[in-house]
Amino acid sequence: MSDVKTPADVVACATPVFLDTANRKAEAAPMTDLQIAELRTLADRLGEPFAATLTRREAQDRIARLRDRL
């Protein structure tokens, strides 16, 4: 058995770690303009405060909770 890795072996090993890191970075980024607009609309309709400093992940969770209350 050889210890030499093919390019496919390297990609197969590296991809999950890369994707996980990329996902974490995307979730930690500031919320998108679309999220801001939807969150502001939902917060206004429900009389809730609007938090302008949420991350994308936090905004996604907050939007889901507010939608459930409609």
PDB file of N, CA and C in Angstrom:
ATOM      1  N   MET A   1       0.857  -1.173   0.000  1.00  0.00           N
ATOM      2  CA  MET A   1       0.000   0.000   0.000  1.00  0.00           C
ATOM      3  C   MET A   1       0.897   1.227   0.000  1.00  0.00           C
ATOM      4  N   SER A   2       0.533   2.216  -0.807  1.00  0.00           N
ATOM      5  CA  SER A   2       1.341   3.416  -0.964  1.00  0.00           C
ATOM      6  C   SER A   2       0.797   4.545  -0.098  1.00  0.00           C
ATOM      7  N   ASP A   3       1.711   5.379   0.429  1.00  0.00           N
ATOM      8  CA  ASP A   3       1.314   6.554   1.203  1.00  0.00           C
ATOM      9  C   ASP A   3       1.174   7.783   0.320  1.00  0.00           C
ATOM     10  N   VAL A   4       1.349   7.626  -0.982  1.00  0.00           N
ATOM     11  CA  VAL A   4       1.242   8.743  -1.901  1.00  0.00           C
ATOM     12  C   VAL A   4      -0.233   9.094  -2.082  1.00  0.00           C
ATOM     13  N   LYS A   5      -0.533  10.361  -1.925  1.00  0.00           N
ATOM     14  CA  LYS A   5      -1.913  10.823  -2.067  1.00  0.00           C
ATOM     15  C   LYS A   5      -2.144  11.367  -3.468  1.00  0.00           C
ATOM     16  N   THR A   6      -3.276  11.041  -4.026  1.00  0.00           N
ATOM     17  CA  THR A   6      -3.663  11.611  -5.310  1.00  0.00           C
ATOM     18  C   THR A   6      -4.379  12.931  -5.051  1.00  0.00           C
ATOM     19  N   PRO A   7      -4.512  13.779  -6.065  1.00  0.00           N
ATOM     20  CA  PRO A   7      -5.257  15.030  -5.864  1.00  0.00           C
ATOM     21  C   PRO A   7      -6.676  14.790  -5.341  1.00  0.00           C
ATOM     22  N   ALA A   8      -7.322  13.730  -5.787  1.00  0.00           N
ATOM     23  CA  ALA A   8      -8.676  13.426  -5.321  1.00  0.00           C
ATOM     24  C   ALA A   8      -8.677  13.099  -3.834  1.00  0.00           C
ATOM     25  N   ASP A   9      -7.635  12.393  -3.358  1.00  0.00           N
ATOM     26  CA  ASP A   9      -7.541  12.076  -1.932  1.00  0.00           C
ATOM     27  C   ASP A   9      -7.389  13.347  -1.103  1.00  0.00           C
ATOM     28  N   VAL A  10      -6.587  14.261  -1.584  1.00  0.00           N
ATOM     29  CA  VAL A  10      -6.352  15.511  -0.862  1.00  0.00           C
ATOM     30  C   VAL A  10      -7.632  16.336  -0.803  1.00  0.00           C
ATOM     31  N   VAL A  11      -8.340  16.454  -1.906  1.00  0.00           N
ATOM     32  CA  VAL A  11      -9.591  17.218  -1.943  1.00  0.00           C
ATOM     33  C   VAL A  11     -10.628  16.571  -1.036  1.00  0.00           C
ATOM     34  N   ALA A  12     -10.735  15.261  -1.068  1.00  0.00           N
ATOM     35  CA  ALA A  12     -11.716  14.562  -0.237  1.00  0.00           C
ATOM     36  C   ALA A  12     -11.450  14.800   1.242  1.00  0.00           C
ATOM     37  N   CYS A  13     -10.195  14.875   1.623  1.00  0.00           N
ATOM     38  CA  CYS A  13      -9.854  15.104   3.019  1.00  0.00           C
ATOM     39  C   CYS A  13     -10.027  16.566   3.409  1.00  0.00           C
ATOM     40  N   ALA A  14      -9.738  17.476   2.521  1.00  0.00           N
ATOM     41  CA  ALA A  14      -9.734  18.898   2.860  1.00  0.00           C
ATOM     42  C   ALA A  14     -11.091  19.560   2.730  1.00  0.00           C
ATOM     43  N   THR A  15     -11.933  19.062   1.880  1.00  0.00           N
ATOM     44  CA  THR A  15     -13.184  19.742   1.589  1.00  0.00           C
ATOM     45  C   THR A  15     -14.077  19.944   2.812  1.00  0.00           C
ATOM     46  N   PRO A  16     -14.343  18.935   3.642  1.00  0.00           N
ATOM     47  CA  PRO A  16     -15.219  19.176   4.790  1.00  0.00           C
ATOM     48  C   PRO A  16     -14.701  20.262   5.728  1.00  0.00           C
ATOM     49  N   VAL A  17     -13.412  20.300   5.962  1.00  0.00           N
ATOM     50  CA  VAL A  17     -12.844  21.319   6.839  1.00  0.00           C
ATOM     51  C   VAL A  17     -12.980  22.687   6.206  1.00  0.00           C
ATOM     52  N   PHE A  18     -12.689  22.794   4.917  1.00  0.00           N
ATOM     53  CA  PHE A  18     -12.807  24.064   4.214  1.00  0.00           C
ATOM     54  C   PHE A  18     -14.247  24.563   4.233  1.00  0.00           C
ATOM     55  N   LEU A  19     -15.191  23.682   3.929  1.00  0.00           N
ATOM     56  CA  LEU A  19     -16.589  24.084   3.897  1.00  0.00           C
ATOM     57  C   LEU A  19     -17.073  24.503   5.276  1.00  0.00           C
ATOM     58  N   ASP A  20     -16.654  23.777   6.305  1.00  0.00           N
ATOM     59  CA  ASP A  20     -17.052  24.118   7.668  1.00  0.00           C
ATOM     60  C   ASP A  20     -16.517  25.495   8.038  1.00  0.00           C
ATOM     61  N   THR A  21     -15.274  25.773   7.712  1.00  0.00           N
ATOM     62  CA  THR A  21     -14.674  27.079   8.007  1.00  0.00           C
ATOM     63  C   THR A  21     -15.377  28.172   7.217  1.00  0.00           C
ATOM     64  N   ALA A  22     -15.655  27.920   5.957  1.00  0.00           N
ATOM     65  CA  ALA A  22     -16.344  28.907   5.122  1.00  0.00           C
ATOM     66  C   ALA A  22     -17.745  29.182   5.658  1.00  0.00           C
ATOM     67  N   ASN A  23     -18.441  28.137   6.093  1.00  0.00           N
ATOM     68  CA  ASN A  23     -19.787  28.314   6.642  1.00  0.00           C
ATOM     69  C   ASN A  23     -19.751  29.135   7.918  1.00  0.00           C
ATOM     70  N   ARG A  24     -18.778  28.853   8.786  1.00  0.00           N
ATOM     71  CA  ARG A  24     -18.672  29.609  10.038  1.00  0.00           C
ATOM     72  C   ARG A  24     -18.380  31.077   9.767  1.00  0.00           C
ATOM     73  N   LYS A  25     -17.520  31.346   8.792  1.00  0.00           N
ATOM     74  CA  LYS A  25     -17.205  32.738   8.453  1.00  0.00           C
ATOM     75  C   LYS A  25     -18.435  33.445   7.895  1.00  0.00           C
ATOM     76  N   ALA A  26     -19.193  32.766   7.050  1.00  0.00           N
ATOM     77  CA  ALA A  26     -20.395  33.363   6.467  1.00  0.00           C
ATOM     78  C   ALA A  26     -21.436  33.640   7.545  1.00  0.00           C
ATOM     79  N   GLU A  27     -21.605  32.711   8.473  1.00  0.00           N
ATOM     80  CA  GLU A  27     -22.579  32.893   9.541  1.00  0.00           C
ATOM     81  C   GLU A  27     -22.182  34.018  10.491  1.00  0.00           C
ATOM     82  N   ALA A  28     -20.892  34.255  10.650  1.00  0.00           N
ATOM     83  CA  ALA A  28     -20.418  35.298  11.557  1.00  0.00           C
ATOM     84  C   ALA A  28     -20.390  36.677  10.894  1.00  0.00           C
ATOM     85  N   ALA A  29     -20.594  36.723   9.597  1.00  0.00           N
ATOM     86  CA  ALA A  29     -20.594  38.002   8.875  1.00  0.00           C
ATOM     87  C   ALA A  29     -21.836  38.803   9.256  1.00  0.00           C
ATOM     88  N   PRO A  30     -21.791  40.105   9.068  1.00  0.00           N
ATOM     89  CA  PRO A  30     -22.982  40.918   9.354  1.00  0.00           C
ATOM     90  C   PRO A  30     -24.160  40.484   8.481  1.00  0.00           C
ATOM     91  N   MET A  31     -25.360  40.702   8.995  1.00  0.00           N
ATOM     92  CA  MET A  31     -26.545  40.290   8.239  1.00  0.00           C
ATOM     93  C   MET A  31     -26.618  41.018   6.903  1.00  0.00           C
ATOM     94  N   THR A  32     -27.288  40.391   5.971  1.00  0.00           N
ATOM     95  CA  THR A  32     -27.406  40.928   4.619  1.00  0.00           C
ATOM     96  C   THR A  32     -28.457  42.034   4.582  1.00  0.00           C
ATOM     97  N   ASP A  33     -28.461  42.801   3.509  1.00  0.00           N
ATOM     98  CA  ASP A  33     -29.472  43.849   3.337  1.00  0.00           C
ATOM     99  C   ASP A  33     -30.881  43.258   3.312  1.00  0.00           C
ATOM    100  N   LEU A  34     -31.027  42.100   2.701  1.00  0.00           N
ATOM    101  CA  LEU A  34     -32.326  41.435   2.651  1.00  0.00           C
ATOM    102  C   LEU A  34     -32.779  41.039   4.059  1.00  0.00           C
ATOM    103  N   GLN A  35     -31.860  40.505   4.852  1.00  0.00           N
ATOM    104  CA  GLN A  35     -32.189  40.147   6.225  1.00  0.00           C
ATOM    105  C   GLN A  35     -32.571  41.395   7.031  1.00  0.00           C
ATOM    106  N   ILE A  36     -31.840  42.478   6.837  1.00  0.00           N
ATOM    107  CA  ILE A  36     -32.146  43.727   7.540  1.00  0.00           C
ATOM    108  C   ILE A  36     -33.562  44.178   7.225  1.00  0.00           C
ATOM    109  N   ALA A  37     -33.915  44.177   5.945  1.00  0.00           N
ATOM    110  CA  ALA A  37     -35.245  44.618   5.527  1.00  0.00           C
ATOM    111  C   ALA A  37     -36.332  43.722   6.118  1.00  0.00           C
ATOM    112  N   GLU A  38     -36.144  42.418   6.041  1.00  0.00           N
ATOM    113  CA  GLU A  38     -37.165  41.504   6.557  1.00  0.00           C
ATOM    114  C   GLU A  38     -37.263  41.590   8.072  1.00  0.00           C
ATOM    115  N   LEU A  39     -36.125  41.659   8.731  1.00  0.00           N
ATOM    116  CA  LEU A  39     -36.136  41.742  10.184  1.00  0.00           C
ATOM    117  C   LEU A  39     -36.779  43.039  10.660  1.00  0.00           C
ATOM    118  N   ARG A  40     -36.491  44.134   9.985  1.00  0.00           N
ATOM    119  CA  ARG A  40     -37.090  45.422  10.347  1.00  0.00           C
ATOM    120  C   ARG A  40     -38.618  45.372  10.158  1.00  0.00           C
ATOM    121  N   THR A  41     -39.063  44.795   9.051  1.00  0.00           N
ATOM    122  CA  THR A  41     -40.499  44.679   8.782  1.00  0.00           C
ATOM    123  C   THR A  41     -41.187  43.826   9.837  1.00  0.00           C
ATOM    124  N   LEU A  42     -40.618  42.666  10.135  1.00  0.00           N
ATOM    125  CA  LEU A  42     -41.216  41.780  11.127  1.00  0.00           C
ATOM    126  C   LEU A  42     -41.229  42.415  12.508  1.00  0.00           C
ATOM    127  N   ALA A  43     -40.127  43.046  12.884  1.00  0.00           N
ATOM    128  CA  ALA A  43     -40.039  43.688  14.198  1.00  0.00           C
ATOM    129  C   ALA A  43     -41.081  44.797  14.321  1.00  0.00           C
ATOM    130  N   ASP A  44     -41.238  45.585  13.279  1.00  0.00           N
ATOM    131  CA  ASP A  44     -42.239  46.658  13.294  1.00  0.00           C
ATOM    132  C   ASP A  44     -43.659  46.092  13.418  1.00  0.00           C
ATOM    133  N   ARG A  45     -43.951  45.047  12.661  1.00  0.00           N
ATOM    134  CA  ARG A  45     -45.299  44.451  12.690  1.00  0.00           C
ATOM    135  C   ARG A  45     -45.639  43.866  14.057  1.00  0.00           C
ATOM    136  N   LEU A  46     -44.610  43.332  14.740  1.00  0.00           N
ATOM    137  CA  LEU A  46     -44.847  42.676  16.027  1.00  0.00           C
ATOM    138  C   LEU A  46     -44.538  43.577  17.220  1.00  0.00           C
ATOM    139  N   GLY A  47     -44.128  44.815  16.952  1.00  0.00           N
ATOM    140  CA  GLY A  47     -43.806  45.729  18.040  1.00  0.00           C
ATOM    141  C   GLY A  47     -42.568  45.324  18.814  1.00  0.00           C
ATOM    142  N   GLU A  48     -41.650  44.682  18.140  1.00  0.00           N
ATOM    143  CA  GLU A  48     -40.403  44.224  18.758  1.00  0.00           C
ATOM    144  C   GLU A  48     -39.268  45.182  18.411  1.00  0.00           C
ATOM    145  N   PRO A  49     -38.245  45.248  19.253  1.00  0.00           N
ATOM    146  CA  PRO A  49     -37.103  46.094  18.911  1.00  0.00           C
ATOM    147  C   PRO A  49     -36.329  45.505  17.725  1.00  0.00           C
ATOM    148  N   PHE A  50     -35.711  46.377  16.958  1.00  0.00           N
ATOM    149  CA  PHE A  50     -34.893  45.957  15.821  1.00  0.00           C
ATOM    150  C   PHE A  50     -33.430  46.010  16.244  1.00  0.00           C
ATOM    151  N   ALA A  51     -32.736  44.902  16.127  1.00  0.00           N
ATOM    152  CA  ALA A  51     -31.318  44.823  16.476  1.00  0.00           C
ATOM    153  C   ALA A  51     -30.492  44.879  15.195  1.00  0.00           C
ATOM    154  N   ALA A  52     -29.776  45.973  15.001  1.00  0.00           N
ATOM    155  CA  ALA A  52     -29.043  46.183  13.751  1.00  0.00           C
ATOM    156  C   ALA A  52     -27.663  45.537  13.722  1.00  0.00           C
ATOM    157  N   THR A  53     -27.237  44.927  14.807  1.00  0.00           N
ATOM    158  CA  THR A  53     -25.869  44.411  14.871  1.00  0.00           C
ATOM    159  C   THR A  53     -25.789  42.887  14.871  1.00  0.00           C
ATOM    160  N   LEU A  54     -26.819  42.222  14.404  1.00  0.00           N
ATOM    161  CA  LEU A  54     -26.816  40.761  14.400  1.00  0.00           C
ATOM    162  C   LEU A  54     -25.925  40.208  13.291  1.00  0.00           C
ATOM    163  N   THR A  55     -25.439  38.997  13.505  1.00  0.00           N
ATOM    164  CA  THR A  55     -24.727  38.279  12.448  1.00  0.00           C
ATOM    165  C   THR A  55     -25.754  37.644  11.530  1.00  0.00           C
ATOM    166  N   ARG A  56     -25.294  37.103  10.421  1.00  0.00           N
ATOM    167  CA  ARG A  56     -26.212  36.437   9.492  1.00  0.00           C
ATOM    168  C   ARG A  56     -26.958  35.299  10.183  1.00  0.00           C
ATOM    169  N   ARG A  57     -26.235  34.519  10.959  1.00  0.00           N
ATOM    170  CA  ARG A  57     -26.850  33.384  11.654  1.00  0.00           C
ATOM    171  C   ARG A  57     -27.856  33.872  12.692  1.00  0.00           C
ATOM    172  N   GLU A  58     -27.486  34.873  13.473  1.00  0.00           N
ATOM    173  CA  GLU A  58     -28.393  35.410  14.483  1.00  0.00           C
ATOM    174  C   GLU A  58     -29.643  36.004  13.832  1.00  0.00           C
ATOM    175  N   ALA A  59     -29.445  36.712  12.733  1.00  0.00           N
ATOM    176  CA  ALA A  59     -30.576  37.300  12.015  1.00  0.00           C
ATOM    177  C   ALA A  59     -31.494  36.214  11.478  1.00  0.00           C
ATOM    178  N   GLN A  60     -30.917  35.167  10.938  1.00  0.00           N
ATOM    179  CA  GLN A  60     -31.699  34.047  10.415  1.00  0.00           C
ATOM    180  C   GLN A  60     -32.554  33.441  11.527  1.00  0.00           C
ATOM    181  N   ASP A  61     -31.970  33.235  12.689  1.00  0.00           N
ATOM    182  CA  ASP A  61     -32.704  32.668  13.822  1.00  0.00           C
ATOM    183  C   ASP A  61     -33.801  33.621  14.303  1.00  0.00           C
ATOM    184  N   ARG A  62     -33.483  34.910  14.400  1.00  0.00           N
ATOM    185  CA  ARG A  62     -34.452  35.914  14.868  1.00  0.00           C
ATOM    186  C   ARG A  62     -35.627  36.021  13.892  1.00  0.00           C
ATOM    187  N   ILE A  63     -35.337  36.025  12.596  1.00  0.00           N
ATOM    188  CA  ILE A  63     -36.390  36.079  11.586  1.00  0.00           C
ATOM    189  C   ILE A  63     -37.309  34.871  11.716  1.00  0.00           C
ATOM    190  N   ALA A  64     -36.745  33.698  11.896  1.00  0.00           N
ATOM    191  CA  ALA A  64     -37.556  32.481  12.033  1.00  0.00           C
ATOM    192  C   ALA A  64     -38.463  32.571  13.257  1.00  0.00           C
ATOM    193  N   ARG A  65     -37.926  33.055  14.381  1.00  0.00           N
ATOM    194  CA  ARG A  65     -38.743  33.185  15.588  1.00  0.00           C
ATOM    195  C   ARG A  65     -39.869  34.200  15.395  1.00  0.00           C
ATOM    196  N   LEU A  66     -39.563  35.318  14.743  1.00  0.00           N
ATOM    197  CA  LEU A  66     -40.593  36.326  14.526  1.00  0.00           C
ATOM    198  C   LEU A  66     -41.659  35.834  13.542  1.00  0.00           C
ATOM    199  N   ARG A  67     -41.235  35.107  12.510  1.00  0.00           N
ATOM    200  CA  ARG A  67     -42.210  34.552  11.554  1.00  0.00           C
ATOM    201  C   ARG A  67     -43.174  33.607  12.251  1.00  0.00           C
ATOM    202  N   ASP A  68     -42.652  32.823  13.191  1.00  0.00           N
ATOM    203  CA  ASP A  68     -43.494  31.866  13.925  1.00  0.00           C
ATOM    204  C   ASP A  68     -44.567  32.570  14.742  1.00  0.00           C
ATOM    205  N   ARG A  69     -44.323  33.807  15.100  1.00  0.00           N
ATOM    206  CA  ARG A  69     -45.277  34.560  15.915  1.00  0.00           C
ATOM    207  C   ARG A  69     -46.364  35.260  15.104  1.00  0.00           C
ATOM    208  N   LEU A  70     -46.217  35.281  13.795  1.00  0.00           N
ATOM    209  CA  LEU A  70     -47.234  35.941  12.954  1.00  0.00           C
ATOM    210  C   LEU A  70     -48.512  35.129  12.898  1.00  0.00           C
TER     211      LEU A  70
END
